[in-house]
Amino acid sequence: RQFILVDGTWRQARRLCRRFPPHLTRVHIDEGKLEALEDADVSPMRTQVEPDRVCSLAAMACLLKEIGNHDDRVPARLLELLRLKSEAVLKGREWKERKTV
């Protein structure tokens, strides 16, 4: 299987998806898996406007988990890396704020 993961703002992604040929299958992630992501709080950098929305990397991790034809450690590792990145970015923001005060 091949997937096209659209990354960008919701508006950019919507516009880009309109350009895809109509024969491409759109995949929707199971709501239960999205709720599990919200509970895990994997990306505290940015809150989503709608509860059923997640960042691109979290969506890919959910998709890999849902199709289930791979090593289960891959989606878990993607989410762990996302969490670590989020923590590093937030620490950097805190450092910049302290420096400017």
N, C-alpha and C. Protein backbone atom coordinates (compact mmCIF):
# COMPACT_ATOMS: atom_id res chain seq x y z
N ARG A 1 0.83 -1.20 0.00
CA ARG A 1 0.00 0.00 0.00
C ARG A 1 0.86 1.24 0.00
N GLN A 2 0.35 2.26 -0.61
CA GLN A 2 1.02 3.55 -0.60
C GLN A 2 0.03 4.58 -0.06
N PHE A 3 0.57 5.55 0.67
CA PHE A 3 -0.25 6.60 1.25
C PHE A 3 0.34 7.95 0.90
N ILE A 4 -0.53 8.91 0.76
CA ILE A 4 -0.11 10.31 0.61
C ILE A 4 -0.54 10.99 1.89
N LEU A 5 0.42 11.47 2.64
CA LEU A 5 0.13 12.17 3.88
C LEU A 5 0.22 13.66 3.60
N VAL A 6 -0.88 14.35 3.75
CA VAL A 6 -0.91 15.79 3.49
C VAL A 6 -0.53 16.50 4.78
N ASP A 7 0.46 17.36 4.68
CA ASP A 7 0.93 18.09 5.85
C ASP A 7 0.81 19.58 5.58
N GLY A 8 0.19 20.29 6.46
CA GLY A 8 0.02 21.73 6.31
C GLY A 8 -1.11 22.18 7.22
N THR A 9 -1.51 23.40 7.08
CA THR A 9 -2.67 23.86 7.84
C THR A 9 -3.90 23.15 7.30
N TRP A 10 -4.98 23.20 8.04
CA TRP A 10 -6.20 22.53 7.59
C TRP A 10 -6.68 23.13 6.26
N ARG A 11 -6.56 24.41 6.12
CA ARG A 11 -6.97 25.07 4.87
C ARG A 11 -6.09 24.62 3.70
N GLN A 12 -4.77 24.58 3.92
CA GLN A 12 -3.86 24.14 2.87
C GLN A 12 -4.13 22.68 2.48
N ALA A 13 -4.34 21.84 3.48
CA ALA A 13 -4.60 20.42 3.22
C ALA A 13 -5.89 20.24 2.43
N ARG A 14 -6.90 20.98 2.78
CA ARG A 14 -8.19 20.88 2.08
C ARG A 14 -8.02 21.25 0.60
N ARG A 15 -7.30 22.35 0.35
CA ARG A 15 -7.07 22.77 -1.03
C ARG A 15 -6.26 21.74 -1.81
N LEU A 16 -5.25 21.19 -1.18
CA LEU A 16 -4.42 20.20 -1.84
C LEU A 16 -5.22 18.93 -2.14
N CYS A 17 -6.03 18.50 -1.22
CA CYS A 17 -6.83 17.29 -1.43
C CYS A 17 -7.81 17.45 -2.58
N ARG A 18 -8.27 18.63 -2.80
CA ARG A 18 -9.19 18.87 -3.94
C ARG A 18 -8.49 18.63 -5.27
N ARG A 19 -7.18 18.72 -5.29
CA ARG A 19 -6.42 18.52 -6.52
C ARG A 19 -6.11 17.04 -6.80
N PHE A 20 -6.32 16.19 -5.82
CA PHE A 20 -6.05 14.76 -6.01
C PHE A 20 -7.04 14.18 -7.01
N PRO A 21 -6.61 13.22 -7.80
CA PRO A 21 -7.54 12.55 -8.72
C PRO A 21 -8.67 11.88 -7.93
N PRO A 22 -9.88 11.87 -8.48
CA PRO A 22 -11.03 11.33 -7.75
C PRO A 22 -10.94 9.83 -7.47
N HIS A 23 -10.11 9.10 -8.21
CA HIS A 23 -10.02 7.66 -7.98
C HIS A 23 -9.22 7.28 -6.73
N LEU A 24 -8.52 8.25 -6.13
CA LEU A 24 -7.76 7.95 -4.92
C LEU A 24 -8.72 7.74 -3.75
N THR A 25 -8.45 6.73 -2.96
CA THR A 25 -9.27 6.42 -1.80
C THR A 25 -8.87 7.31 -0.63
N ARG A 26 -9.84 7.94 0.00
CA ARG A 26 -9.58 8.73 1.20
C ARG A 26 -9.73 7.83 2.41
N VAL A 27 -8.84 7.99 3.37
CA VAL A 27 -8.87 7.17 4.57
C VAL A 27 -9.27 8.05 5.74
N HIS A 28 -10.17 7.55 6.54
CA HIS A 28 -10.58 8.26 7.76
C HIS A 28 -10.17 7.40 8.95
N ILE A 29 -9.55 8.03 9.91
CA ILE A 29 -9.05 7.30 11.08
C ILE A 29 -10.19 7.08 12.07
N ASP A 30 -10.20 5.90 12.64
CA ASP A 30 -11.20 5.53 13.63
C ASP A 30 -11.19 6.51 14.81
N GLU A 31 -12.38 6.99 15.19
CA GLU A 31 -12.47 7.99 16.27
C GLU A 31 -11.89 7.51 17.58
N GLY A 32 -12.02 6.23 17.87
CA GLY A 32 -11.46 5.69 19.11
C GLY A 32 -9.96 5.87 19.19
N LYS A 33 -9.29 5.72 18.07
CA LYS A 33 -7.84 5.89 18.05
C LYS A 33 -7.47 7.36 18.25
N LEU A 34 -8.30 8.25 17.71
CA LEU A 34 -8.05 9.68 17.92
C LEU A 34 -8.24 10.05 19.38
N GLU A 35 -9.28 9.48 20.01
CA GLU A 35 -9.51 9.75 21.43
C GLU A 35 -8.35 9.26 22.28
N ALA A 36 -7.78 8.12 21.91
CA ALA A 36 -6.62 7.59 22.64
C ALA A 36 -5.44 8.55 22.53
N LEU A 37 -5.29 9.19 21.36
CA LEU A 37 -4.21 10.16 21.20
C LEU A 37 -4.43 11.38 22.09
N GLU A 38 -5.68 11.84 22.15
CA GLU A 38 -5.98 12.99 23.00
C GLU A 38 -5.66 12.68 24.45
N ASP A 39 -6.01 11.46 24.88
CA ASP A 39 -5.73 11.06 26.25
C ASP A 39 -4.23 11.00 26.53
N ALA A 40 -3.46 10.60 25.51
CA ALA A 40 -2.01 10.48 25.68
C ALA A 40 -1.33 11.85 25.67
N ASP A 41 -2.00 12.88 25.15
CA ASP A 41 -1.45 14.23 25.10
C ASP A 41 -0.07 14.24 24.45
N VAL A 42 0.01 13.67 23.23
CA VAL A 42 1.30 13.51 22.57
C VAL A 42 1.85 14.80 21.98
N SER A 43 1.00 15.77 21.72
CA SER A 43 1.48 17.00 21.12
C SER A 43 0.92 18.22 21.86
N PRO A 44 1.51 18.55 23.00
CA PRO A 44 1.00 19.67 23.78
C PRO A 44 1.33 21.05 23.22
N MET A 45 2.09 21.11 22.11
CA MET A 45 2.47 22.41 21.56
C MET A 45 1.29 23.18 21.03
N ARG A 46 0.37 22.47 20.41
CA ARG A 46 -0.73 23.15 19.73
C ARG A 46 -2.02 22.38 19.98
N THR A 47 -3.04 23.09 20.38
CA THR A 47 -4.34 22.44 20.53
C THR A 47 -5.08 22.54 19.21
N GLN A 48 -5.88 21.54 18.92
CA GLN A 48 -6.64 21.52 17.68
C GLN A 48 -7.98 22.22 17.89
N VAL A 49 -8.47 22.81 16.83
CA VAL A 49 -9.74 23.54 16.88
C VAL A 49 -10.91 22.58 17.08
N GLU A 50 -10.84 21.44 16.41
CA GLU A 50 -11.89 20.42 16.50
C GLU A 50 -11.33 19.20 17.21
N PRO A 51 -12.16 18.50 17.98
CA PRO A 51 -11.66 17.36 18.74
C PRO A 51 -11.21 16.18 17.88
N ASP A 52 -11.68 16.08 16.66
CA ASP A 52 -11.32 14.94 15.82
C ASP A 52 -10.13 15.23 14.90
N ARG A 53 -9.36 16.24 15.23
CA ARG A 53 -8.20 16.61 14.43
C ARG A 53 -6.92 16.37 15.21
N VAL A 54 -5.91 15.90 14.49
CA VAL A 54 -4.60 15.67 15.09
C VAL A 54 -3.54 16.16 14.11
N CYS A 55 -2.30 16.27 14.58
CA CYS A 55 -1.22 16.69 13.69
C CYS A 55 -0.91 15.55 12.71
N SER A 56 -0.17 15.86 11.67
CA SER A 56 0.12 14.91 10.59
C SER A 56 0.85 13.66 11.09
N LEU A 57 1.84 13.84 11.94
CA LEU A 57 2.60 12.69 12.42
C LEU A 57 1.73 11.77 13.27
N ALA A 58 0.89 12.35 14.11
CA ALA A 58 -0.01 11.54 14.93
C ALA A 58 -1.02 10.81 14.04
N ALA A 59 -1.47 11.47 12.98
CA ALA A 59 -2.40 10.82 12.05
C ALA A 59 -1.73 9.63 11.38
N MET A 60 -0.47 9.77 10.97
CA MET A 60 0.24 8.66 10.35
C MET A 60 0.42 7.51 11.34
N ALA A 61 0.74 7.82 12.58
CA ALA A 61 0.88 6.77 13.59
C ALA A 61 -0.44 6.02 13.77
N CYS A 62 -1.55 6.76 13.82
CA CYS A 62 -2.88 6.13 13.94
C CYS A 62 -3.16 5.25 12.73
N LEU A 63 -2.85 5.74 11.56
CA LEU A 63 -3.10 4.98 10.33
C LEU A 63 -2.30 3.68 10.33
N LEU A 64 -1.02 3.76 10.68
CA LEU A 64 -0.19 2.56 10.73
C LEU A 64 -0.74 1.55 11.73
N LYS A 65 -1.21 2.06 12.86
CA LYS A 65 -1.78 1.19 13.89
C LYS A 65 -3.07 0.54 13.37
N GLU A 66 -3.86 1.32 12.67
CA GLU A 66 -5.15 0.84 12.19
C GLU A 66 -5.01 -0.23 11.10
N ILE A 67 -4.06 -0.05 10.17
CA ILE A 67 -3.92 -1.04 9.10
C ILE A 67 -3.22 -2.30 9.60
N GLY A 68 -2.43 -2.16 10.65
CA GLY A 68 -1.90 -3.30 11.36
C GLY A 68 -1.01 -4.27 10.62
N ASN A 69 -0.40 -3.90 9.52
CA ASN A 69 0.47 -4.84 8.81
C ASN A 69 1.94 -4.44 8.94
N HIS A 70 2.37 -4.15 10.14
CA HIS A 70 3.73 -3.69 10.38
C HIS A 70 4.09 -3.99 11.83
N ASP A 71 5.27 -3.65 12.21
CA ASP A 71 5.73 -3.79 13.58
C ASP A 71 4.99 -2.78 14.45
N ASP A 72 4.33 -3.24 15.51
CA ASP A 72 3.56 -2.35 16.38
C ASP A 72 4.41 -1.29 17.08
N ARG A 73 5.71 -1.50 17.10
CA ARG A 73 6.58 -0.52 17.76
C ARG A 73 6.72 0.77 16.94
N VAL A 74 6.46 0.69 15.63
CA VAL A 74 6.65 1.86 14.77
C VAL A 74 5.70 3.00 15.15
N PRO A 75 4.38 2.78 15.23
CA PRO A 75 3.50 3.89 15.62
C PRO A 75 3.82 4.42 17.02
N ALA A 76 4.15 3.52 17.93
CA ALA A 76 4.48 3.95 19.30
C ALA A 76 5.73 4.82 19.29
N ARG A 77 6.71 4.45 18.49
CA ARG A 77 7.95 5.24 18.41
C ARG A 77 7.70 6.60 17.77
N LEU A 78 6.86 6.64 16.73
CA LEU A 78 6.52 7.93 16.11
C LEU A 78 5.89 8.87 17.14
N LEU A 79 4.96 8.34 17.92
CA LEU A 79 4.30 9.18 18.93
C LEU A 79 5.26 9.60 20.03
N GLU A 80 6.19 8.72 20.40
CA GLU A 80 7.20 9.08 21.40
C GLU A 80 8.10 10.19 20.87
N LEU A 81 8.51 10.10 19.61
CA LEU A 81 9.34 11.16 19.02
C LEU A 81 8.58 12.48 18.95
N LEU A 82 7.30 12.42 18.64
CA LEU A 82 6.48 13.63 18.61
C LEU A 82 6.40 14.27 19.99
N ARG A 83 6.22 13.43 21.01
CA ARG A 83 6.16 13.95 22.37
C ARG A 83 7.49 14.59 22.77
N LEU A 84 8.60 13.93 22.44
CA LEU A 84 9.92 14.48 22.76
C LEU A 84 10.17 15.80 22.04
N LYS A 85 9.77 15.86 20.77
CA LYS A 85 9.92 17.11 20.01
C LYS A 85 9.11 18.22 20.66
N SER A 86 7.88 17.90 21.03
CA SER A 86 7.01 18.90 21.66
C SER A 86 7.62 19.42 22.94
N GLU A 87 8.15 18.51 23.76
CA GLU A 87 8.78 18.92 25.01
C GLU A 87 9.99 19.82 24.76
N ALA A 88 10.80 19.48 23.76
CA ALA A 88 11.99 20.28 23.46
C ALA A 88 11.60 21.67 22.98
N VAL A 89 10.58 21.74 22.13
CA VAL A 89 10.13 23.05 21.63
C VAL A 89 9.59 23.89 22.78
N LEU A 90 8.80 23.28 23.64
CA LEU A 90 8.24 24.03 24.76
C LEU A 90 9.33 24.51 25.71
N LYS A 91 10.34 23.67 25.96
CA LYS A 91 11.46 24.10 26.81
C LYS A 91 12.20 25.27 26.16
N GLY A 92 12.38 25.22 24.84
CA GLY A 92 13.03 26.31 24.13
C GLY A 92 12.25 27.61 24.24
N ARG A 93 10.93 27.50 24.18
CA ARG A 93 10.09 28.70 24.33
C ARG A 93 10.22 29.28 25.72
N GLU A 94 10.23 28.40 26.73
CA GLU A 94 10.39 28.87 28.11
C GLU A 94 11.73 29.58 28.28
N TRP A 95 12.79 29.02 27.68
CA TRP A 95 14.11 29.60 27.80
C TRP A 95 14.13 30.98 27.15
N LYS A 96 13.52 31.12 25.98
CA LYS A 96 13.48 32.41 25.29
C LYS A 96 12.70 33.43 26.11
N GLU A 97 11.58 32.99 26.71
CA GLU A 97 10.79 33.91 27.53
C GLU A 97 11.57 34.39 28.73
N ARG A 98 12.32 33.51 29.39
CA ARG A 98 13.11 33.91 30.55
C ARG A 98 14.23 34.86 30.13
N LYS A 99 14.79 34.64 28.95
CA LYS A 99 15.89 35.45 28.46
C LYS A 99 15.43 36.87 28.15
N THR A 100 14.20 37.02 27.66
CA THR A 100 13.72 38.35 27.28
C THR A 100 13.12 39.11 28.45
N VAL A 101 12.90 38.47 29.56
CA VAL A 101 12.27 39.14 30.72
C VAL A 101 13.30 39.88 31.53
